[in-house]
Amino acid sequence: REREREREREMLNKLVDCCSVHHGSKKEKIGGRVVLMKKNVLDFNDFSASVVDGLHELLGKKISFQLVSAVNFDSDGKGKLGKPSYLGKWLSKCSGLTPGDLAFGITFEWDEEIDVPGALIVRNE
């Protein structure tokens, strides 16, 4: 298990090195892409889901994402949480999308306390 953790750390370090470097900082930025599928695409007969999706868009609700550490834990024994990240710019020219899918850019702020991410918390606020 320790060897697997070390390998995961190496892979994450390489990923962080590729994405960006902020000299003298223990925090790094990792860029990515999030693809969202509207609820009503999953169930064509779900009229209420379509209405709720429309209301959320009108009210400007945000979707947040948080990295959860796989190796470092808080006092309750849960994985330490990273800083919430929010969907960024809509990627209108993203290949591989099906009708109803939307792609957005996202940037995670990763720091040494998170170490190896093991999960992602998604909140529709």
Protein backbone atom coordinates (compact mmCIF):
# COMPACT_ATOMS: atom_id res chain seq x y z
CA ARG A 1 0.00 0.00 0.00
CA GLU A 2 2.87 2.39 0.81
CA ARG A 3 4.40 1.80 -2.62
CA GLU A 4 1.05 2.62 -4.24
CA ARG A 5 0.83 5.88 -2.24
CA GLU A 6 4.32 6.87 -3.29
CA ARG A 7 3.45 6.23 -6.92
CA GLU A 8 0.27 8.33 -6.59
CA ARG A 9 2.32 11.18 -5.06
CA GLU A 10 4.80 11.00 -7.94
CA MET A 11 2.00 11.15 -10.52
CA LEU A 12 0.35 14.10 -8.76
CA ASN A 13 3.67 15.93 -8.48
CA LYS A 14 4.26 15.47 -12.21
CA LEU A 15 0.76 16.73 -12.96
CA VAL A 16 1.23 19.78 -10.75
CA ASP A 17 4.63 20.47 -12.34
CA CYS A 18 3.06 20.37 -15.80
CA CYS A 19 0.16 22.66 -14.99
CA SER A 20 1.83 25.55 -13.22
CA VAL A 21 4.53 26.55 -10.81
CA HIS A 22 4.34 29.31 -8.20
CA HIS A 23 7.85 29.68 -6.80
CA GLY A 24 8.15 29.70 -3.02
CA SER A 25 4.56 28.61 -2.53
CA LYS A 26 3.22 25.37 -1.11
CA LYS A 27 0.07 25.81 -3.18
CA GLU A 28 -0.27 24.87 -6.82
CA LYS A 29 -3.01 25.29 -9.39
CA ILE A 30 -4.37 22.36 -11.37
CA GLY A 31 -6.55 23.11 -14.39
CA GLY A 32 -9.20 20.83 -15.78
CA ARG A 33 -12.54 20.50 -17.53
CA VAL A 34 -15.96 19.61 -16.12
CA VAL A 35 -18.72 18.26 -18.37
CA LEU A 36 -22.26 18.67 -17.07
CA MET A 37 -25.34 16.86 -18.33
CA LYS A 38 -28.70 18.46 -17.64
CA LYS A 39 -31.05 16.36 -15.55
CA ASN A 40 -33.83 16.48 -18.14
CA VAL A 41 -31.55 14.85 -20.73
CA LEU A 42 -31.49 11.74 -18.54
CA ASP A 43 -35.29 11.50 -18.31
CA PHE A 44 -37.22 13.06 -21.18
CA ASN A 45 -40.48 12.89 -19.20
CA ASP A 46 -39.18 14.70 -16.12
CA PHE A 47 -40.87 18.10 -16.55
CA SER A 48 -40.10 19.20 -12.98
CA ALA A 49 -36.36 18.61 -13.53
CA SER A 50 -36.51 20.88 -16.58
CA VAL A 51 -38.23 23.63 -14.56
CA VAL A 52 -35.74 23.30 -11.68
CA ASP A 53 -32.78 23.41 -14.12
CA GLY A 54 -34.22 26.61 -15.61
CA LEU A 55 -34.72 28.22 -12.20
CA HIS A 56 -31.17 27.40 -11.10
CA GLU A 57 -29.82 28.99 -14.27
CA LEU A 58 -31.92 32.13 -13.76
CA LEU A 59 -30.99 32.48 -10.10
CA GLY A 60 -27.28 32.00 -10.84
CA LYS A 61 -26.71 29.04 -8.54
CA LYS A 62 -23.07 27.95 -8.43
CA ILE A 63 -21.59 24.49 -8.50
CA SER A 64 -18.54 23.99 -6.27
CA PHE A 65 -15.94 21.23 -6.27
CA GLN A 66 -13.57 20.29 -3.44
CA LEU A 67 -10.64 17.90 -3.47
CA VAL A 68 -10.60 15.43 -0.56
CA SER A 69 -7.31 14.00 0.66
CA ALA A 70 -6.82 10.25 0.46
CA VAL A 71 -3.93 10.26 2.94
CA ASN A 72 -4.30 13.22 5.35
CA PHE A 73 -7.24 13.45 7.74
CA ASP A 74 -8.90 16.04 9.97
CA SER A 75 -9.68 15.56 13.69
CA ASP A 76 -12.89 13.67 12.82
CA GLY A 77 -10.98 11.14 10.74
CA LYS A 78 -12.31 12.49 7.44
CA GLY A 79 -10.08 13.40 4.51
CA LYS A 80 -8.84 16.99 4.64
CA LEU A 81 -10.72 19.27 2.25
CA GLY A 82 -9.21 21.59 -0.30
CA LYS A 83 -10.47 25.07 -1.04
CA PRO A 84 -13.77 25.07 -3.00
CA SER A 85 -13.38 25.66 -6.75
CA TYR A 86 -16.13 26.96 -8.98
CA LEU A 87 -16.91 26.43 -12.62
CA GLY A 88 -15.13 28.92 -14.79
CA LYS A 89 -15.52 29.91 -18.40
CA TRP A 90 -17.96 27.98 -20.58
CA LEU A 91 -15.98 26.01 -23.17
CA SER A 92 -18.12 26.38 -26.29
CA LYS A 93 -15.62 24.64 -28.59
CA CYS A 94 -15.14 21.39 -26.72
CA SER A 95 -14.99 18.20 -28.79
CA GLY A 96 -16.85 15.04 -27.84
CA LEU A 97 -19.90 16.69 -26.31
CA THR A 98 -23.36 15.29 -26.96
CA PRO A 99 -26.46 17.51 -27.18
CA GLY A 100 -27.41 18.69 -23.69
CA ASP A 101 -23.83 18.53 -22.37
CA LEU A 102 -22.01 21.67 -21.26
CA ALA A 103 -18.25 21.93 -20.64
CA PHE A 104 -16.61 24.41 -18.28
CA GLY A 105 -13.05 25.13 -17.26
CA ILE A 106 -12.08 24.69 -13.61
CA THR A 107 -8.95 25.40 -11.58
CA PHE A 108 -8.21 23.65 -8.30
CA GLU A 109 -5.91 25.15 -5.71
CA TRP A 110 -3.91 22.19 -4.44
CA ASP A 111 -1.68 22.40 -1.37
CA GLU A 112 0.58 20.01 0.51
CA GLU A 113 -2.02 19.35 3.23
CA ILE A 114 -4.23 17.61 0.67
CA ASP A 115 -1.34 15.53 -0.67
CA VAL A 116 -2.95 12.83 -2.85
CA PRO A 117 -6.60 13.57 -3.70
CA GLY A 118 -8.83 10.56 -3.26
CA ALA A 119 -12.29 12.00 -3.84
CA LEU A 120 -14.15 15.01 -5.10
CA ILE A 121 -17.13 16.67 -3.38
CA VAL A 122 -19.59 18.34 -5.76
CA ARG A 123 -22.13 20.81 -4.35
CA ASN A 124 -24.94 22.49 -6.26
CA GLU A 125 -25.30 25.65 -4.16
